[in-house]
Amino acid sequence: MKILSSLSGLFNNFAVKPAYAAGGGAPASGGWESTLINFAPLIAIVVIFYLLVILPQQKRTKDHKKMIESLKVGDEVLTTGGIFGIITGIADQLFTIEIAKDVKIKITKSAIATKTIKQ
């Protein structure tokens, strides 16, 4: 009998018991205000991410596009591959650049990194 009662006590330790909230205060009221307060840190992180990452990248992209559109024959450029050259021809989406005497290559407009200053 003693073994049975000790086994019963052991199984009672593993039984599912109801959980009670600490404090027993009144349920949260306010509805959307409390939800907004709970999401405020997440909203702040999204806003900071937008201001520090996305906005500057959009500005760089806009400036690069403006620079590409302003290029003309005779401008010296640097490609994203590190090749310096002088623009000798402009097509729809291509530039022809001369990288050495009588050596010309065709590259896409997006492959231009910067316009360099002739020295």
N, C-alpha and C. Protein backbone atom coordinates (compact mmCIF):
# COMPACT_ATOMS: atom_id res chain seq x y z
N MET A 1 0.82 -1.18 0.00
CA MET A 1 0.00 0.00 0.00
C MET A 1 0.88 1.26 0.00
N LYS A 2 1.97 1.19 0.76
CA LYS A 2 2.87 2.32 0.85
C LYS A 2 3.50 2.61 -0.52
N ILE A 3 3.80 1.59 -1.30
CA ILE A 3 4.38 1.76 -2.63
C ILE A 3 3.36 2.41 -3.55
N LEU A 4 2.13 2.00 -3.45
CA LEU A 4 1.06 2.55 -4.29
C LEU A 4 0.86 4.03 -4.00
N SER A 5 0.89 4.42 -2.73
CA SER A 5 0.70 5.83 -2.39
C SER A 5 1.90 6.67 -2.85
N SER A 6 3.11 6.11 -2.77
CA SER A 6 4.27 6.87 -3.24
C SER A 6 4.25 7.00 -4.76
N LEU A 7 3.81 5.96 -5.49
CA LEU A 7 3.67 6.07 -6.94
C LEU A 7 2.60 7.08 -7.31
N SER A 8 1.51 7.07 -6.56
CA SER A 8 0.43 8.03 -6.82
C SER A 8 0.93 9.46 -6.60
N GLY A 9 1.74 9.68 -5.56
CA GLY A 9 2.32 10.99 -5.31
C GLY A 9 3.28 11.41 -6.41
N LEU A 10 4.04 10.45 -6.94
CA LEU A 10 4.97 10.71 -8.02
C LEU A 10 4.23 11.13 -9.29
N PHE A 11 3.16 10.42 -9.63
CA PHE A 11 2.38 10.76 -10.82
C PHE A 11 1.66 12.10 -10.66
N ASN A 12 1.29 12.46 -9.44
CA ASN A 12 0.64 13.75 -9.21
C ASN A 12 1.60 14.91 -9.48
N ASN A 13 2.89 14.67 -9.31
CA ASN A 13 3.88 15.71 -9.59
C ASN A 13 3.94 16.03 -11.09
N PHE A 14 3.65 15.05 -11.93
CA PHE A 14 3.70 15.24 -13.38
C PHE A 14 2.35 15.60 -13.98
N ALA A 15 1.33 15.67 -13.19
CA ALA A 15 0.00 15.98 -13.69
C ALA A 15 -0.07 17.44 -14.13
N VAL A 16 -0.93 17.70 -15.09
CA VAL A 16 -1.12 19.07 -15.57
C VAL A 16 -1.94 19.83 -14.55
N LYS A 17 -1.40 20.94 -14.13
CA LYS A 17 -2.06 21.75 -13.12
C LYS A 17 -2.42 23.09 -13.73
N PRO A 18 -3.48 23.73 -13.29
CA PRO A 18 -3.85 25.04 -13.85
C PRO A 18 -2.81 26.10 -13.49
N ALA A 19 -2.57 27.01 -14.42
CA ALA A 19 -1.62 28.09 -14.19
C ALA A 19 -2.38 29.35 -13.82
N TYR A 20 -1.87 30.08 -12.86
CA TYR A 20 -2.49 31.31 -12.42
C TYR A 20 -1.54 32.48 -12.65
N ALA A 21 -2.07 33.58 -13.10
CA ALA A 21 -1.25 34.76 -13.35
C ALA A 21 -0.84 35.37 -12.03
N ALA A 22 0.38 35.84 -11.99
CA ALA A 22 0.88 36.51 -10.79
C ALA A 22 0.27 37.89 -10.70
N GLY A 23 -0.05 38.29 -9.53
CA GLY A 23 -0.57 39.64 -9.32
C GLY A 23 -2.09 39.68 -9.36
N GLY A 24 -2.68 38.98 -10.26
CA GLY A 24 -4.14 38.94 -10.35
C GLY A 24 -4.77 40.29 -10.58
N GLY A 25 -4.09 41.17 -11.28
CA GLY A 25 -4.62 42.51 -11.53
C GLY A 25 -5.76 42.48 -12.54
N ALA A 26 -6.30 43.62 -12.79
CA ALA A 26 -7.40 43.74 -13.74
C ALA A 26 -6.87 43.51 -15.15
N PRO A 27 -7.70 43.00 -16.05
CA PRO A 27 -7.25 42.80 -17.42
C PRO A 27 -6.91 44.13 -18.08
N ALA A 28 -5.97 44.07 -19.02
CA ALA A 28 -5.52 45.29 -19.70
C ALA A 28 -6.67 45.92 -20.46
N SER A 29 -6.77 47.22 -20.34
CA SER A 29 -7.81 47.93 -21.08
C SER A 29 -7.13 48.93 -22.00
N GLY A 30 -7.88 49.54 -22.85
CA GLY A 30 -7.30 50.52 -23.75
C GLY A 30 -7.30 50.04 -25.18
N GLY A 31 -7.33 48.75 -25.40
CA GLY A 31 -7.43 48.21 -26.74
C GLY A 31 -6.26 48.58 -27.62
N TRP A 32 -6.49 49.41 -28.61
CA TRP A 32 -5.47 49.73 -29.60
C TRP A 32 -4.33 50.55 -29.04
N GLU A 33 -4.58 51.33 -27.97
CA GLU A 33 -3.49 52.12 -27.39
C GLU A 33 -2.40 51.22 -26.81
N SER A 34 -2.82 50.19 -26.07
CA SER A 34 -1.82 49.30 -25.49
C SER A 34 -1.10 48.51 -26.59
N THR A 35 -1.81 48.15 -27.65
CA THR A 35 -1.18 47.46 -28.77
C THR A 35 -0.16 48.36 -29.44
N LEU A 36 -0.49 49.62 -29.61
CA LEU A 36 0.43 50.58 -30.21
C LEU A 36 1.67 50.76 -29.35
N ILE A 37 1.49 50.81 -28.05
CA ILE A 37 2.62 50.96 -27.14
C ILE A 37 3.52 49.72 -27.20
N ASN A 38 2.91 48.56 -27.33
CA ASN A 38 3.70 47.32 -27.42
C ASN A 38 4.49 47.26 -28.72
N PHE A 39 3.97 47.82 -29.79
CA PHE A 39 4.65 47.80 -31.08
C PHE A 39 5.54 49.02 -31.31
N ALA A 40 5.57 49.96 -30.41
CA ALA A 40 6.36 51.18 -30.57
C ALA A 40 7.85 50.89 -30.79
N PRO A 41 8.48 49.99 -30.04
CA PRO A 41 9.90 49.72 -30.31
C PRO A 41 10.13 49.14 -31.71
N LEU A 42 9.25 48.27 -32.16
CA LEU A 42 9.38 47.70 -33.50
C LEU A 42 9.22 48.78 -34.57
N ILE A 43 8.26 49.65 -34.37
CA ILE A 43 8.03 50.76 -35.31
C ILE A 43 9.25 51.68 -35.33
N ALA A 44 9.81 51.95 -34.16
CA ALA A 44 11.00 52.81 -34.08
C ALA A 44 12.18 52.18 -34.82
N ILE A 45 12.37 50.87 -34.70
CA ILE A 45 13.47 50.19 -35.39
C ILE A 45 13.29 50.29 -36.89
N VAL A 46 12.07 50.10 -37.37
CA VAL A 46 11.80 50.19 -38.81
C VAL A 46 12.08 51.61 -39.32
N VAL A 47 11.66 52.61 -38.58
CA VAL A 47 11.89 54.00 -38.99
C VAL A 47 13.39 54.32 -39.01
N ILE A 48 14.12 53.90 -37.99
CA ILE A 48 15.56 54.14 -37.94
C ILE A 48 16.27 53.42 -39.08
N PHE A 49 15.88 52.18 -39.36
CA PHE A 49 16.45 51.42 -40.47
C PHE A 49 16.21 52.15 -41.78
N TYR A 50 15.00 52.66 -41.97
CA TYR A 50 14.67 53.38 -43.19
C TYR A 50 15.54 54.63 -43.33
N LEU A 51 15.68 55.38 -42.24
CA LEU A 51 16.45 56.63 -42.30
C LEU A 51 17.95 56.40 -42.47
N LEU A 52 18.48 55.34 -41.88
CA LEU A 52 19.92 55.12 -41.92
C LEU A 52 20.39 54.26 -43.08
N VAL A 53 19.52 53.44 -43.65
CA VAL A 53 19.96 52.52 -44.71
C VAL A 53 19.28 52.81 -46.04
N ILE A 54 17.98 52.78 -46.05
CA ILE A 54 17.25 52.85 -47.32
C ILE A 54 17.32 54.23 -47.95
N LEU A 55 17.10 55.28 -47.19
CA LEU A 55 17.12 56.64 -47.74
C LEU A 55 18.47 57.01 -48.35
N PRO A 56 19.60 56.78 -47.66
CA PRO A 56 20.89 57.11 -48.28
C PRO A 56 21.16 56.28 -49.54
N GLN A 57 20.74 55.01 -49.55
CA GLN A 57 20.96 54.18 -50.73
C GLN A 57 20.15 54.71 -51.91
N GLN A 58 18.92 55.14 -51.67
CA GLN A 58 18.11 55.73 -52.74
C GLN A 58 18.76 57.00 -53.28
N LYS A 59 19.35 57.80 -52.39
CA LYS A 59 20.02 59.03 -52.83
C LYS A 59 21.24 58.70 -53.69
N ARG A 60 22.05 57.70 -53.26
CA ARG A 60 23.22 57.31 -54.06
C ARG A 60 22.80 56.79 -55.43
N THR A 61 21.74 56.01 -55.48
CA THR A 61 21.25 55.47 -56.75
C THR A 61 20.79 56.60 -57.66
N LYS A 62 20.08 57.57 -57.10
CA LYS A 62 19.59 58.71 -57.88
C LYS A 62 20.76 59.54 -58.41
N ASP A 63 21.76 59.79 -57.56
CA ASP A 63 22.94 60.56 -57.99
C ASP A 63 23.72 59.82 -59.07
N HIS A 64 23.86 58.50 -58.95
CA HIS A 64 24.59 57.71 -59.94
C HIS A 64 23.86 57.75 -61.28
N LYS A 65 22.54 57.63 -61.25
CA LYS A 65 21.76 57.67 -62.49
C LYS A 65 21.90 59.04 -63.16
N LYS A 66 21.90 60.11 -62.37
CA LYS A 66 22.06 61.46 -62.91
C LYS A 66 23.44 61.62 -63.54
N MET A 67 24.48 61.05 -62.89
CA MET A 67 25.83 61.13 -63.41
C MET A 67 25.95 60.37 -64.72
N ILE A 68 25.35 59.20 -64.81
CA ILE A 68 25.38 58.39 -66.03
C ILE A 68 24.72 59.15 -67.18
N GLU A 69 23.59 59.79 -66.89
CA GLU A 69 22.87 60.53 -67.94
C GLU A 69 23.65 61.75 -68.41
N SER A 70 24.51 62.30 -67.56
CA SER A 70 25.25 63.51 -67.93
C SER A 70 26.54 63.22 -68.69
N LEU A 71 26.93 61.96 -68.80
CA LEU A 71 28.18 61.62 -69.49
C LEU A 71 28.07 61.89 -70.98
N LYS A 72 29.18 62.32 -71.56
CA LYS A 72 29.21 62.61 -72.99
C LYS A 72 30.53 62.11 -73.57
N VAL A 73 30.64 62.10 -74.88
CA VAL A 73 31.86 61.65 -75.55
C VAL A 73 33.02 62.53 -75.09
N GLY A 74 34.13 61.88 -74.75
CA GLY A 74 35.32 62.60 -74.29
C GLY A 74 35.50 62.59 -72.79
N ASP A 75 34.48 62.18 -72.04
CA ASP A 75 34.61 62.11 -70.59
C ASP A 75 35.44 60.90 -70.19
N GLU A 76 36.28 61.08 -69.18
CA GLU A 76 37.06 59.96 -68.67
C GLU A 76 36.28 59.32 -67.53
N VAL A 77 36.19 57.99 -67.57
CA VAL A 77 35.38 57.27 -66.59
C VAL A 77 36.18 56.12 -65.97
N LEU A 78 35.68 55.65 -64.84
CA LEU A 78 36.21 54.47 -64.16
C LEU A 78 35.09 53.46 -64.11
N THR A 79 35.35 52.24 -64.58
CA THR A 79 34.33 51.20 -64.55
C THR A 79 34.32 50.51 -63.19
N THR A 80 33.27 49.74 -62.94
CA THR A 80 33.19 48.99 -61.69
C THR A 80 34.26 47.91 -61.63
N GLY A 81 34.81 47.53 -62.77
CA GLY A 81 35.89 46.56 -62.81
C GLY A 81 37.26 47.18 -62.61
N GLY A 82 37.33 48.49 -62.48
CA GLY A 82 38.60 49.17 -62.22
C GLY A 82 39.33 49.61 -63.48
N ILE A 83 38.65 49.67 -64.61
CA ILE A 83 39.28 50.07 -65.86
C ILE A 83 39.01 51.55 -66.12
N PHE A 84 40.07 52.30 -66.37
CA PHE A 84 39.94 53.70 -66.75
C PHE A 84 39.84 53.78 -68.26
N GLY A 85 39.01 54.69 -68.74
CA GLY A 85 38.89 54.87 -70.18
C GLY A 85 38.21 56.17 -70.52
N ILE A 86 38.21 56.48 -71.82
CA ILE A 86 37.57 57.70 -72.32
C ILE A 86 36.41 57.27 -73.20
N ILE A 87 35.26 57.87 -72.98
CA ILE A 87 34.07 57.52 -73.75
C ILE A 87 34.25 58.00 -75.19
N THR A 88 34.07 57.05 -76.13
CA THR A 88 34.19 57.40 -77.55
C THR A 88 32.86 57.23 -78.28
N GLY A 89 31.92 56.56 -77.65
CA GLY A 89 30.62 56.36 -78.28
C GLY A 89 29.56 56.05 -77.25
N ILE A 90 28.34 56.51 -77.53
CA ILE A 90 27.22 56.28 -76.62
C ILE A 90 26.08 55.68 -77.43
N ALA A 91 25.59 54.53 -76.99
CA ALA A 91 24.43 53.89 -77.59
C ALA A 91 23.31 53.86 -76.55
N ASP A 92 22.28 53.09 -76.86
CA ASP A 92 21.11 53.04 -75.98
C ASP A 92 21.49 52.68 -74.54
N GLN A 93 22.02 51.50 -74.33
CA GLN A 93 22.42 51.06 -73.00
C GLN A 93 23.92 50.74 -72.92
N LEU A 94 24.67 51.18 -73.92
CA LEU A 94 26.10 50.86 -73.98
C LEU A 94 26.95 52.11 -74.13
N PHE A 95 28.15 52.01 -73.58
CA PHE A 95 29.19 53.00 -73.83
C PHE A 95 30.31 52.28 -74.55
N THR A 96 30.94 52.95 -75.48
CA THR A 96 32.19 52.46 -76.04
C THR A 96 33.27 53.31 -75.43
N ILE A 97 34.22 52.66 -74.76
CA ILE A 97 35.29 53.42 -74.14
C ILE A 97 36.63 52.95 -74.69
N GLU A 98 37.52 53.90 -74.82
CA GLU A 98 38.87 53.60 -75.29
C GLU A 98 39.75 53.49 -74.05
N ILE A 99 40.36 52.31 -73.87
CA ILE A 99 41.17 52.08 -72.68
C ILE A 99 42.67 52.21 -72.97
N ALA A 100 43.02 52.17 -74.23
CA ALA A 100 44.40 52.38 -74.68
C ALA A 100 44.31 52.82 -76.13
N LYS A 101 45.42 53.21 -76.71
CA LYS A 101 45.41 53.67 -78.10
C LYS A 101 44.89 52.54 -78.99
N ASP A 102 43.81 52.82 -79.72
CA ASP A 102 43.15 51.88 -80.63
C ASP A 102 42.61 50.62 -79.94
N VAL A 103 42.37 50.68 -78.66
CA VAL A 103 41.74 49.56 -77.94
C VAL A 103 40.43 50.08 -77.34
N LYS A 104 39.34 49.61 -77.92
CA LYS A 104 38.02 50.08 -77.47
C LYS A 104 37.21 48.88 -77.00
N ILE A 105 36.45 49.11 -75.93
CA ILE A 105 35.56 48.07 -75.41
C ILE A 105 34.17 48.66 -75.25
N LYS A 106 33.17 47.77 -75.31
CA LYS A 106 31.80 48.19 -75.07
C LYS A 106 31.38 47.69 -73.70
N ILE A 107 30.77 48.58 -72.93
CA ILE A 107 30.29 48.21 -71.60
C ILE A 107 28.89 48.77 -71.42
N THR A 108 28.16 48.19 -70.50
CA THR A 108 26.83 48.71 -70.20
C THR A 108 26.95 49.98 -69.38
N LYS A 109 25.92 50.78 -69.43
CA LYS A 109 25.95 52.04 -68.69
C LYS A 109 26.04 51.81 -67.19
N SER A 110 25.46 50.71 -66.72
CA SER A 110 25.50 50.44 -65.28
C SER A 110 26.89 50.04 -64.80
N ALA A 111 27.81 49.72 -65.73
CA ALA A 111 29.17 49.33 -65.35
C ALA A 111 30.07 50.51 -65.09
N ILE A 112 29.57 51.71 -65.26
CA ILE A 112 30.37 52.92 -64.99
C ILE A 112 30.26 53.21 -63.49
N ALA A 113 31.40 53.30 -62.82
CA ALA A 113 31.41 53.61 -61.39
C ALA A 113 31.39 55.12 -61.16
N THR A 114 32.36 55.82 -61.76
CA THR A 114 32.47 57.27 -61.56
C THR A 114 33.04 57.94 -62.80
N LYS A 115 32.81 59.23 -62.84
CA LYS A 115 33.45 60.08 -63.85
C LYS A 115 34.72 60.61 -63.20
N THR A 116 35.84 60.45 -63.89
CA THR A 116 37.11 60.91 -63.30
C THR A 116 37.52 62.23 -63.92
N ILE A 117 38.47 62.87 -63.28
CA ILE A 117 38.97 64.15 -63.72
C ILE A 117 40.20 63.90 -64.57
N LYS A 118 40.23 64.45 -65.76
CA LYS A 118 41.40 64.29 -66.65
C LYS A 118 42.59 65.01 -66.04
N GLN A 119 43.75 64.36 -66.20
CA GLN A 119 44.96 64.98 -65.65
C GLN A 119 45.95 65.26 -66.73
